[in-house]
Amino acid sequence: MTYPERDRAPRSRAVAATRKMPDLRAPILSLLLAVALLLSLALPGRAASREEVRDFLNVTGFDAAIDSISLSSDRGPAMLGLDDPGFATVWNLMAAPVFDPAQMQEMAVTMLQDTLDEEAIQTAHAFYGSELGRRLVEVENASHMDESEDRPELSEALLAHLIEEREVDRIAALDRLVSALDDTSDGVAAMAEVQTRFMIAARDAGVIELRVDDEALRDLIIQQFREMQSDNGSQDAVAHAAWTYRDFTTEEIDAYAEALEDPAMQRVYELMNAVQYEVMADRFETAAGLLEGAQPGQEL
């Protein structure tokens, strides 16, 4: 299960009273929904057992997507505009247990257990359990954990090559795939909400001070996400997909897009997107709460 890497946090224009505002451009993994909304997405029928949910996570590769949230934890200080090495050390020590993959997996299982039914499980198994589905999960799992610095350049170069070679059918298939994924989640709103909740929690812990209220902060951040999305956002997502699925045929990419366009699969994705972003936001909020009294440069 994959998510286009188009959701990046922009630099906030909200004014901090005593510190510079954060550099919000670090990529975090694709619609934040609170637990109440997760419940509203509950699918009809028998609720799944925890073992069924764990198997579902494994088959779809969503377990790797949850694990990859931990990779974003080291960006916490930069997201708050705090570049002091001492504070970064404090953050890393406090955040490590909060972003524990096993704990996040259990959170995801709990959230999904009441909202995932037999129909959703069968829908996901029918595709991701196939030969093509298993291959897709394998490359997507690797993609989630790939933090190579040269990946953006490689992705852009590959897309440029496809354009130069006039690979119209392949580019169209990649664009169709990205569009199918976009239809399941407003990733811009989701990442803006993750960022907002983290900053509010950090402020409440006394780590940063803000001169804007919560709603003004939220509006500023989502506006900047929208602006950044309009700057080559679609092209970046297609480039990312081109690199991730470079070993698949155009026909296989079209088949994947067709599967994702199915309403039943769209609903499954909506649910999983909601869970992923809620786990992410909760972990950043929780870690921020542990920082009360910890100031930049504090010695351990």
C-alpha atoms as a PDB file:
ATOM      1  CA  MET A   1       0.000   0.000   0.000  1.00  0.00           C
ATOM      2  CA  THR A   2       1.532   3.258  -1.049  1.00  0.00           C
ATOM      3  CA  TYR A   3       1.006   6.955  -0.713  1.00  0.00           C
ATOM      4  CA  PRO A   4       2.367   9.556  -3.137  1.00  0.00           C
ATOM      5  CA  GLU A   5       5.100  11.651  -1.588  1.00  0.00           C
ATOM      6  CA  ARG A   6       3.512  14.983  -2.390  1.00  0.00           C
ATOM      7  CA  ASP A   7       2.538  16.004   1.157  1.00  0.00           C
ATOM      8  CA  ARG A   8       5.295  18.120   2.612  1.00  0.00           C
ATOM      9  CA  ALA A   9       5.012  20.721   5.324  1.00  0.00           C
ATOM     10  CA  PRO A  10       5.627  24.312   4.237  1.00  0.00           C
ATOM     11  CA  ARG A  11       7.390  26.954   6.310  1.00  0.00           C
ATOM     12  CA  SER A  12       4.801  28.517   8.585  1.00  0.00           C
ATOM     13  CA  ARG A  13       4.201  32.255   8.508  1.00  0.00           C
ATOM     14  CA  ALA A  14       2.636  32.148  11.968  1.00  0.00           C
ATOM     15  CA  VAL A  15       4.625  34.374  14.316  1.00  0.00           C
ATOM     16  CA  ALA A  16       6.448  32.849  17.279  1.00  0.00           C
ATOM     17  CA  ALA A  17       6.946  35.155  20.222  1.00  0.00           C
ATOM     18  CA  THR A  18      10.402  34.037  21.249  1.00  0.00           C
ATOM     19  CA  ARG A  19      11.662  31.674  18.569  1.00  0.00           C
ATOM     20  CA  LYS A  20      11.670  31.437  14.804  1.00  0.00           C
ATOM     21  CA  MET A  21       8.841  29.450  13.333  1.00  0.00           C
ATOM     22  CA  PRO A  22       9.580  25.976  12.068  1.00  0.00           C
ATOM     23  CA  ASP A  23      11.001  24.807   8.813  1.00  0.00           C
ATOM     24  CA  LEU A  24       8.022  22.686   7.894  1.00  0.00           C
ATOM     25  CA  ARG A  25       9.352  21.263   4.632  1.00  0.00           C
ATOM     26  CA  ALA A  26      10.535  17.895   5.944  1.00  0.00           C
ATOM     27  CA  PRO A  27       8.520  15.155   4.241  1.00  0.00           C
ATOM     28  CA  ILE A  28       6.374  13.030   6.438  1.00  0.00           C
ATOM     29  CA  LEU A  29       4.755  10.319   4.747  1.00  0.00           C
ATOM     30  CA  SER A  30      -0.956  10.731   1.947  1.00  0.00           C
ATOM     31  CA  LEU A  31      -6.678  12.941   5.489  1.00  0.00           C
ATOM     32  CA  LEU A  32      -6.522  13.197   9.163  1.00  0.00           C
ATOM     33  CA  LEU A  33      -9.712  11.962  10.702  1.00  0.00           C
ATOM     34  CA  ALA A  34     -10.290  11.942  14.422  1.00  0.00           C
ATOM     35  CA  VAL A  35     -11.474   8.805  16.179  1.00  0.00           C
ATOM     36  CA  ALA A  36     -15.055   9.987  15.868  1.00  0.00           C
ATOM     37  CA  LEU A  37     -14.683  10.128  12.110  1.00  0.00           C
ATOM     38  CA  LEU A  38     -13.010   6.740  12.096  1.00  0.00           C
ATOM     39  CA  LEU A  39     -16.103   5.383  13.764  1.00  0.00           C
ATOM     40  CA  SER A  40     -18.267   7.078  11.158  1.00  0.00           C
ATOM     41  CA  LEU A  41     -16.375   5.118   8.508  1.00  0.00           C
ATOM     42  CA  ALA A  42     -17.259   1.831  10.173  1.00  0.00           C
ATOM     43  CA  LEU A  43     -18.225  -0.707   7.572  1.00  0.00           C
ATOM     44  CA  PRO A  44     -21.380  -2.780   8.014  1.00  0.00           C
ATOM     45  CA  GLY A  45     -21.179  -6.373   9.109  1.00  0.00           C
ATOM     46  CA  ARG A  46     -19.149  -8.425  11.586  1.00  0.00           C
ATOM     47  CA  ALA A  47     -16.209  -6.599  13.156  1.00  0.00           C
ATOM     48  CA  ALA A  48     -12.814  -8.153  12.505  1.00  0.00           C
ATOM     49  CA  SER A  49     -10.751  -9.866  15.188  1.00  0.00           C
ATOM     50  CA  ARG A  50      -7.327  -8.492  16.107  1.00  0.00           C
ATOM     51  CA  GLU A  51      -5.656 -11.396  14.331  1.00  0.00           C
ATOM     52  CA  GLU A  52      -7.675 -10.735  11.190  1.00  0.00           C
ATOM     53  CA  VAL A  53      -6.677  -7.080  11.324  1.00  0.00           C
ATOM     54  CA  ARG A  54      -2.988  -7.957  11.763  1.00  0.00           C
ATOM     55  CA  ASP A  55      -3.190 -10.284   8.774  1.00  0.00           C
ATOM     56  CA  PHE A  56      -4.923  -7.540   6.800  1.00  0.00           C
ATOM     57  CA  LEU A  57      -2.104  -5.109   7.652  1.00  0.00           C
ATOM     58  CA  ASN A  58       0.492  -7.611   6.530  1.00  0.00           C
ATOM     59  CA  VAL A  59      -1.215  -8.591   3.275  1.00  0.00           C
ATOM     60  CA  THR A  60      -1.801  -4.979   2.207  1.00  0.00           C
ATOM     61  CA  GLY A  61       1.588  -3.732   3.382  1.00  0.00           C
ATOM     62  CA  PHE A  62      -0.134  -1.177   5.580  1.00  0.00           C
ATOM     63  CA  ASP A  63       1.959  -2.431   8.497  1.00  0.00           C
ATOM     64  CA  ALA A  64       5.043  -1.026   6.754  1.00  0.00           C
ATOM     65  CA  ALA A  65       3.268   2.299   6.250  1.00  0.00           C
ATOM     66  CA  ILE A  66       2.589   2.451   9.992  1.00  0.00           C
ATOM     67  CA  ASP A  67       6.179   1.484  10.823  1.00  0.00           C
ATOM     68  CA  SER A  68       7.476   4.224   8.537  1.00  0.00           C
ATOM     69  CA  ILE A  69       5.888   6.869  10.770  1.00  0.00           C
ATOM     70  CA  SER A  70       8.827   6.323  13.116  1.00  0.00           C
ATOM     71  CA  LEU A  71      11.181   7.646  10.424  1.00  0.00           C
ATOM     72  CA  SER A  72       9.581  11.067  10.738  1.00  0.00           C
ATOM     73  CA  SER A  73      10.197  11.368  14.474  1.00  0.00           C
ATOM     74  CA  ASP A  74      13.720  12.752  14.150  1.00  0.00           C
ATOM     75  CA  ARG A  75      12.311  15.740  12.274  1.00  0.00           C
ATOM     76  CA  GLY A  76      10.418  16.916  15.335  1.00  0.00           C
ATOM     77  CA  PRO A  77      12.861  19.664  16.399  1.00  0.00           C
ATOM     78  CA  ALA A  78      13.026  21.090  12.863  1.00  0.00           C
ATOM     79  CA  MET A  79       9.230  21.062  12.664  1.00  0.00           C
ATOM     80  CA  LEU A  80       9.225  23.245  15.784  1.00  0.00           C
ATOM     81  CA  GLY A  81      12.011  25.497  14.546  1.00  0.00           C
ATOM     82  CA  LEU A  82      14.409  24.316  17.239  1.00  0.00           C
ATOM     83  CA  ASP A  83      17.842  23.496  15.884  1.00  0.00           C
ATOM     84  CA  ASP A  84      19.762  23.343  19.158  1.00  0.00           C
ATOM     85  CA  PRO A  85      21.721  20.044  19.356  1.00  0.00           C
ATOM     86  CA  GLY A  86      20.958  19.653  23.054  1.00  0.00           C
ATOM     87  CA  PHE A  87      17.230  19.908  22.467  1.00  0.00           C
ATOM     88  CA  ALA A  88      17.482  17.456  19.582  1.00  0.00           C
ATOM     89  CA  THR A  89      19.104  14.958  21.945  1.00  0.00           C
ATOM     90  CA  VAL A  90      16.322  15.424  24.496  1.00  0.00           C
ATOM     91  CA  TRP A  91      13.715  15.013  21.765  1.00  0.00           C
ATOM     92  CA  ASN A  92      15.252  11.859  20.356  1.00  0.00           C
ATOM     93  CA  LEU A  93      15.392  10.218  23.777  1.00  0.00           C
ATOM     94  CA  MET A  94      11.794  11.102  24.611  1.00  0.00           C
ATOM     95  CA  ALA A  95      10.350  10.389  21.179  1.00  0.00           C
ATOM     96  CA  ALA A  96      11.936   6.976  20.623  1.00  0.00           C
ATOM     97  CA  PRO A  97       9.530   4.999  22.855  1.00  0.00           C
ATOM     98  CA  VAL A  98       6.550   7.052  21.675  1.00  0.00           C
ATOM     99  CA  PHE A  99       7.212   6.161  18.037  1.00  0.00           C
ATOM    100  CA  ASP A 100       7.850   2.494  18.814  1.00  0.00           C
ATOM    101  CA  PRO A 101       6.643   0.533  15.750  1.00  0.00           C
ATOM    102  CA  ALA A 102       5.089  -2.257  17.809  1.00  0.00           C
ATOM    103  CA  GLN A 103       3.067   0.240  19.827  1.00  0.00           C
ATOM    104  CA  MET A 104       1.900   2.047  16.698  1.00  0.00           C
ATOM    105  CA  GLN A 105       0.889  -1.273  15.144  1.00  0.00           C
ATOM    106  CA  GLU A 106      -1.304  -2.030  18.146  1.00  0.00           C
ATOM    107  CA  MET A 107      -2.871   1.426  17.915  1.00  0.00           C
ATOM    108  CA  ALA A 108      -3.697   0.804  14.264  1.00  0.00           C
ATOM    109  CA  VAL A 109      -5.143  -2.619  15.048  1.00  0.00           C
ATOM    110  CA  THR A 110      -7.376  -1.138  17.748  1.00  0.00           C
ATOM    111  CA  MET A 111      -8.632   1.624  15.450  1.00  0.00           C
ATOM    112  CA  LEU A 112      -9.283  -0.773  12.580  1.00  0.00           C
ATOM    113  CA  GLN A 113     -10.893  -3.514  14.622  1.00  0.00           C
ATOM    114  CA  ASP A 114     -14.189  -1.670  14.997  1.00  0.00           C
ATOM    115  CA  THR A 115     -14.220  -0.259  11.476  1.00  0.00           C
ATOM    116  CA  LEU A 116     -12.933  -3.092   9.302  1.00  0.00           C
ATOM    117  CA  ASP A 117     -15.402  -5.792   8.314  1.00  0.00           C
ATOM    118  CA  GLU A 118     -15.272  -9.013   6.333  1.00  0.00           C
ATOM    119  CA  GLU A 119     -16.137  -7.334   3.032  1.00  0.00           C
ATOM    120  CA  ALA A 120     -13.236  -4.901   3.363  1.00  0.00           C
ATOM    121  CA  ILE A 121     -10.848  -7.697   4.268  1.00  0.00           C
ATOM    122  CA  GLN A 122     -11.946  -9.784   1.295  1.00  0.00           C
ATOM    123  CA  THR A 123     -11.647  -6.797  -1.045  1.00  0.00           C
ATOM    124  CA  ALA A 124      -8.065  -6.167   0.013  1.00  0.00           C
ATOM    125  CA  HIS A 125      -7.110  -9.853  -0.005  1.00  0.00           C
ATOM    126  CA  ALA A 126      -8.527 -10.378  -3.492  1.00  0.00           C
ATOM    127  CA  PHE A 127      -6.067  -7.914  -4.973  1.00  0.00           C
ATOM    128  CA  TYR A 128      -3.076  -7.810  -2.637  1.00  0.00           C
ATOM    129  CA  GLY A 129      -3.103 -11.578  -2.280  1.00  0.00           C
ATOM    130  CA  SER A 130      -2.662 -11.991  -6.033  1.00  0.00           C
ATOM    131  CA  GLU A 131       0.723 -12.399  -7.710  1.00  0.00           C
ATOM    132  CA  LEU A 132       0.696  -8.770  -8.862  1.00  0.00           C
ATOM    133  CA  GLY A 133      -0.533  -7.582  -5.488  1.00  0.00           C
ATOM    134  CA  ARG A 134       2.249  -9.372  -3.612  1.00  0.00           C
ATOM    135  CA  ARG A 135       4.883  -7.845  -5.886  1.00  0.00           C
ATOM    136  CA  LEU A 136       3.386  -4.394  -5.393  1.00  0.00           C
ATOM    137  CA  VAL A 137       3.411  -4.762  -1.621  1.00  0.00           C
ATOM    138  CA  GLU A 138       7.055  -5.825  -1.707  1.00  0.00           C
ATOM    139  CA  VAL A 139       8.212  -2.738  -3.587  1.00  0.00           C
ATOM    140  CA  GLU A 140       5.910  -0.427  -1.643  1.00  0.00           C
ATOM    141  CA  ASN A 141       7.214  -1.712   1.679  1.00  0.00           C
ATOM    142  CA  ALA A 142      10.748  -0.988   0.504  1.00  0.00           C
ATOM    143  CA  SER A 143       9.656   2.449  -0.684  1.00  0.00           C
ATOM    144  CA  HIS A 144       8.178   3.364   2.697  1.00  0.00           C
ATOM    145  CA  MET A 145      11.523   2.755   4.397  1.00  0.00           C
ATOM    146  CA  ASP A 146      13.668   4.344   1.678  1.00  0.00           C
ATOM    147  CA  GLU A 147      15.267   7.580   2.883  1.00  0.00           C
ATOM    148  CA  SER A 148      17.878   7.828   0.143  1.00  0.00           C
ATOM    149  CA  GLU A 149      18.894  11.435  -0.379  1.00  0.00           C
ATOM    150  CA  ASP A 150      19.133  10.972  -4.126  1.00  0.00           C
ATOM    151  CA  ARG A 151      15.678   9.467  -4.540  1.00  0.00           C
ATOM    152  CA  PRO A 152      13.958  12.739  -5.553  1.00  0.00           C
ATOM    153  CA  GLU A 153      16.582  13.361  -8.218  1.00  0.00           C
ATOM    154  CA  LEU A 154      16.321   9.789  -9.505  1.00  0.00           C
ATOM    155  CA  SER A 155      12.537  10.059  -9.657  1.00  0.00           C
ATOM    156  CA  GLU A 156      12.632  13.360 -11.516  1.00  0.00           C
ATOM    157  CA  ALA A 157      15.242  12.046 -13.942  1.00  0.00           C
ATOM    158  CA  LEU A 158      13.162   8.968 -14.719  1.00  0.00           C
ATOM    159  CA  LEU A 159      10.038  11.026 -15.374  1.00  0.00           C
ATOM    160  CA  ALA A 160      12.048  13.387 -17.583  1.00  0.00           C
ATOM    161  CA  HIS A 161      13.278  10.359 -19.534  1.00  0.00           C
ATOM    162  CA  LEU A 162       9.720   9.094 -20.006  1.00  0.00           C
ATOM    163  CA  ILE A 163       8.669  12.500 -21.283  1.00  0.00           C
ATOM    164  CA  GLU A 164      11.662  12.749 -23.602  1.00  0.00           C
ATOM    165  CA  GLU A 165      10.952   9.285 -24.992  1.00  0.00           C
ATOM    166  CA  ARG A 166       7.279  10.201 -25.409  1.00  0.00           C
ATOM    167  CA  GLU A 167       6.122   7.297 -23.249  1.00  0.00           C
ATOM    168  CA  VAL A 168       2.606   8.714 -23.300  1.00  0.00           C
ATOM    169  CA  ASP A 169       0.829   5.504 -22.277  1.00  0.00           C
ATOM    170  CA  ARG A 170       3.090   4.939 -19.286  1.00  0.00           C
ATOM    171  CA  ILE A 171       2.835   8.526 -18.068  1.00  0.00           C
ATOM    172  CA  ALA A 172      -0.953   8.326 -18.415  1.00  0.00           C
ATOM    173  CA  ALA A 173      -1.012   5.089 -16.400  1.00  0.00           C
ATOM    174  CA  LEU A 174       1.122   6.638 -13.647  1.00  0.00           C
ATOM    175  CA  ASP A 175      -1.087   9.725 -13.551  1.00  0.00           C
ATOM    176  CA  ARG A 176      -4.166   7.506 -13.346  1.00  0.00           C
ATOM    177  CA  LEU A 177      -2.625   5.642 -10.416  1.00  0.00           C
ATOM    178  CA  VAL A 178      -1.785   8.851  -8.558  1.00  0.00           C
ATOM    179  CA  SER A 179      -5.308  10.171  -9.171  1.00  0.00           C
ATOM    180  CA  ALA A 180      -6.855   6.973  -7.827  1.00  0.00           C
ATOM    181  CA  LEU A 181      -4.832   7.341  -4.639  1.00  0.00           C
ATOM    182  CA  ASP A 182      -5.632  11.042  -4.318  1.00  0.00           C
ATOM    183  CA  ASP A 183      -9.347  10.313  -4.470  1.00  0.00           C
ATOM    184  CA  THR A 184      -9.135   8.416  -1.172  1.00  0.00           C
ATOM    185  CA  SER A 185      -7.673  11.194   0.966  1.00  0.00           C
ATOM    186  CA  ASP A 186      -7.079  14.911   1.193  1.00  0.00           C
ATOM    187  CA  GLY A 187      -3.441  14.440   2.106  1.00  0.00           C
ATOM    188  CA  VAL A 188      -2.813  18.182   2.218  1.00  0.00           C
ATOM    189  CA  ALA A 189      -5.468  18.713   4.880  1.00  0.00           C
ATOM    190  CA  ALA A 190      -4.243  15.644   6.745  1.00  0.00           C
ATOM    191  CA  MET A 191      -0.608  16.699   6.938  1.00  0.00           C
ATOM    192  CA  ALA A 192      -1.600  20.264   7.810  1.00  0.00           C
ATOM    193  CA  GLU A 193      -3.628  18.898  10.713  1.00  0.00           C
ATOM    194  CA  VAL A 194      -0.752  16.700  11.906  1.00  0.00           C
ATOM    195  CA  GLN A 195       1.530  19.744  11.862  1.00  0.00           C
ATOM    196  CA  THR A 196      -1.027  21.930  13.633  1.00  0.00           C
ATOM    197  CA  ARG A 197      -1.717  19.442  16.404  1.00  0.00           C
ATOM    198  CA  PHE A 198       1.996  18.954  17.010  1.00  0.00           C
ATOM    199  CA  MET A 199       2.669  22.684  17.281  1.00  0.00           C
ATOM    200  CA  ILE A 200      -0.296  23.230  19.591  1.00  0.00           C
ATOM    201  CA  ALA A 201       0.859  20.384  21.852  1.00  0.00           C
ATOM    202  CA  ALA A 202       4.395  21.820  21.904  1.00  0.00           C
ATOM    203  CA  ARG A 203       3.036  25.222  22.816  1.00  0.00           C
ATOM    204  CA  ASP A 204       0.923  23.756  25.603  1.00  0.00           C
ATOM    205  CA  ALA A 205       4.058  22.034  26.918  1.00  0.00           C
ATOM    206  CA  GLY A 206       5.852  25.385  27.032  1.00  0.00           C
ATOM    207  CA  VAL A 207       8.354  24.490  24.320  1.00  0.00           C
ATOM    208  CA  ILE A 208       7.315  27.190  21.832  1.00  0.00           C
ATOM    209  CA  GLU A 209       5.203  30.315  22.039  1.00  0.00           C
ATOM    210  CA  LEU A 210       2.814  31.431  19.317  1.00  0.00           C
ATOM    211  CA  ARG A 211       1.198  34.785  18.626  1.00  0.00           C
ATOM    212  CA  VAL A 212      -1.740  33.294  16.771  1.00  0.00           C
ATOM    213  CA  ASP A 213      -4.630  31.241  18.088  1.00  0.00           C
ATOM    214  CA  ASP A 214      -5.247  27.633  17.161  1.00  0.00           C
ATOM    215  CA  GLU A 215      -7.615  28.277  14.260  1.00  0.00           C
ATOM    216  CA  ALA A 216      -5.412  30.987  12.773  1.00  0.00           C
ATOM    217  CA  LEU A 217      -2.441  28.631  12.988  1.00  0.00           C
ATOM    218  CA  ARG A 218      -4.426  25.864  11.314  1.00  0.00           C
ATOM    219  CA  ASP A 219      -5.550  28.199   8.521  1.00  0.00           C
ATOM    220  CA  LEU A 220      -2.004  29.455   7.910  1.00  0.00           C
ATOM    221  CA  ILE A 221      -0.533  25.979   7.716  1.00  0.00           C
ATOM    222  CA  ILE A 222      -3.155  24.516   5.410  1.00  0.00           C
ATOM    223  CA  GLN A 223      -2.902  27.576   3.156  1.00  0.00           C
ATOM    224  CA  GLN A 224       0.833  27.037   2.825  1.00  0.00           C
ATOM    225  CA  PHE A 225       0.340  23.326   2.158  1.00  0.00           C
ATOM    226  CA  ARG A 226      -2.099  24.220  -0.637  1.00  0.00           C
ATOM    227  CA  GLU A 227       0.373  26.709  -2.098  1.00  0.00           C
ATOM    228  CA  MET A 228       3.152  24.157  -2.046  1.00  0.00           C
ATOM    229  CA  GLN A 229       0.893  21.511  -3.571  1.00  0.00           C
ATOM    230  CA  SER A 230       0.261  23.806  -6.521  1.00  0.00           C
ATOM    231  CA  ASP A 231       4.014  24.076  -7.144  1.00  0.00           C
ATOM    232  CA  ASN A 232       4.665  20.948  -9.214  1.00  0.00           C
ATOM    233  CA  GLY A 233       2.813  18.803  -6.664  1.00  0.00           C
ATOM    234  CA  SER A 234       1.210  16.553  -9.272  1.00  0.00           C
ATOM    235  CA  GLN A 235       4.432  16.173 -11.230  1.00  0.00           C
ATOM    236  CA  ASP A 236       6.340  15.231  -8.065  1.00  0.00           C
ATOM    237  CA  ALA A 237       3.768  12.554  -7.263  1.00  0.00           C
ATOM    238  CA  VAL A 238       3.956  11.088 -10.765  1.00  0.00           C
ATOM    239  CA  ALA A 239       7.760  11.131 -10.596  1.00  0.00           C
ATOM    240  CA  HIS A 240       7.638   9.299  -7.258  1.00  0.00           C
ATOM    241  CA  ALA A 241       5.285   6.701  -8.745  1.00  0.00           C
ATOM    242  CA  ALA A 242       7.471   6.347 -11.831  1.00  0.00           C
ATOM    243  CA  TRP A 243      10.447   5.442  -9.655  1.00  0.00           C
ATOM    244  CA  THR A 244       8.556   3.192  -7.244  1.00  0.00           C
ATOM    245  CA  TYR A 245       6.921   1.150 -10.026  1.00  0.00           C
ATOM    246  CA  ARG A 246       9.776   1.290 -12.535  1.00  0.00           C
ATOM    247  CA  ASP A 247       9.993  -2.524 -12.717  1.00  0.00           C
ATOM    248  CA  PHE A 248       6.289  -2.962 -13.505  1.00  0.00           C
ATOM    249  CA  THR A 249       4.829  -2.946 -16.986  1.00  0.00           C
ATOM    250  CA  THR A 250       2.455  -0.213 -18.069  1.00  0.00           C
ATOM    251  CA  GLU A 251      -0.315  -2.818 -18.210  1.00  0.00           C
ATOM    252  CA  GLU A 252       0.349  -3.791 -14.589  1.00  0.00           C
ATOM    253  CA  ILE A 253       0.247  -0.161 -13.469  1.00  0.00           C
ATOM    254  CA  ASP A 254      -3.078   0.267 -15.269  1.00  0.00           C
ATOM    255  CA  ALA A 255      -4.386  -2.879 -13.577  1.00  0.00           C
ATOM    256  CA  TYR A 256      -3.363  -1.474 -10.187  1.00  0.00           C
ATOM    257  CA  ALA A 257      -5.072   1.842 -10.897  1.00  0.00           C
ATOM    258  CA  GLU A 258      -8.228   0.029 -11.976  1.00  0.00           C
ATOM    259  CA  ALA A 259      -8.262  -1.963  -8.742  1.00  0.00           C
ATOM    260  CA  LEU A 260      -7.855   1.206  -6.683  1.00  0.00           C
ATOM    261  CA  GLU A 261     -10.691   2.916  -8.544  1.00  0.00           C
ATOM    262  CA  ASP A 262     -13.144   0.267  -7.350  1.00  0.00           C
ATOM    263  CA  PRO A 263     -15.500   1.878  -4.770  1.00  0.00           C
ATOM    264  CA  ALA A 264     -14.921  -0.952  -2.295  1.00  0.00           C
ATOM    265  CA  MET A 265     -11.145  -0.467  -2.464  1.00  0.00           C
ATOM    266  CA  GLN A 266     -11.570   3.307  -2.227  1.00  0.00           C
ATOM    267  CA  ARG A 267     -13.441   2.871   1.044  1.00  0.00           C
ATOM    268  CA  VAL A 268     -10.720   0.585   2.390  1.00  0.00           C
ATOM    269  CA  TYR A 269      -8.105   3.199   1.528  1.00  0.00           C
ATOM    270  CA  GLU A 270     -10.130   5.991   3.131  1.00  0.00           C
ATOM    271  CA  LEU A 271     -10.202   4.003   6.328  1.00  0.00           C
ATOM    272  CA  MET A 272      -6.502   3.196   6.294  1.00  0.00           C
ATOM    273  CA  ASN A 273      -5.529   6.780   5.456  1.00  0.00           C
ATOM    274  CA  ALA A 274      -7.586   7.974   8.406  1.00  0.00           C
ATOM    275  CA  VAL A 275      -5.866   5.498  10.716  1.00  0.00           C
ATOM    276  CA  GLN A 276      -2.366   6.313   9.486  1.00  0.00           C
ATOM    277  CA  TYR A 277      -2.753  10.061   9.944  1.00  0.00           C
ATOM    278  CA  GLU A 278      -4.456   9.686  13.312  1.00  0.00           C
ATOM    279  CA  VAL A 279      -1.617   7.484  14.595  1.00  0.00           C
ATOM    280  CA  MET A 280       0.921   9.986  13.274  1.00  0.00           C
ATOM    281  CA  ALA A 281      -0.777  13.003  14.845  1.00  0.00           C
ATOM    282  CA  ASP A 282      -1.299  11.193  18.145  1.00  0.00           C
ATOM    283  CA  ARG A 283       2.364  10.194  18.384  1.00  0.00           C
ATOM    284  CA  PHE A 284       3.628  13.721  17.713  1.00  0.00           C
ATOM    285  CA  GLU A 285       1.159  15.133  20.238  1.00  0.00           C
ATOM    286  CA  THR A 286       2.175  12.572  22.844  1.00  0.00           C
ATOM    287  CA  ALA A 287       5.889  13.204  22.318  1.00  0.00           C
ATOM    288  CA  ALA A 288       5.353  16.960  22.554  1.00  0.00           C
ATOM    289  CA  GLY A 289       3.562  16.506  25.867  1.00  0.00           C
ATOM    290  CA  LEU A 290       6.639  14.801  27.298  1.00  0.00           C
ATOM    291  CA  LEU A 291       8.743  17.883  26.542  1.00  0.00           C
ATOM    292  CA  GLU A 292       7.213  20.038  29.266  1.00  0.00           C
ATOM    293  CA  GLY A 293      10.083  21.809  30.987  1.00  0.00           C
ATOM    294  CA  ALA A 294      12.595  20.786  28.339  1.00  0.00           C
ATOM    295  CA  GLN A 295      14.088  23.882  26.738  1.00  0.00           C
ATOM    296  CA  PRO A 296      16.419  24.056  23.746  1.00  0.00           C
ATOM    297  CA  GLY A 297      19.959  23.430  24.914  1.00  0.00           C
ATOM    298  CA  GLN A 298      18.865  21.639  28.086  1.00  0.00           C
ATOM    299  CA  GLU A 299      21.548  19.281  29.304  1.00  0.00           C
ATOM    300  CA  LEU A 300      20.667  15.691  30.123  1.00  0.00           C
END
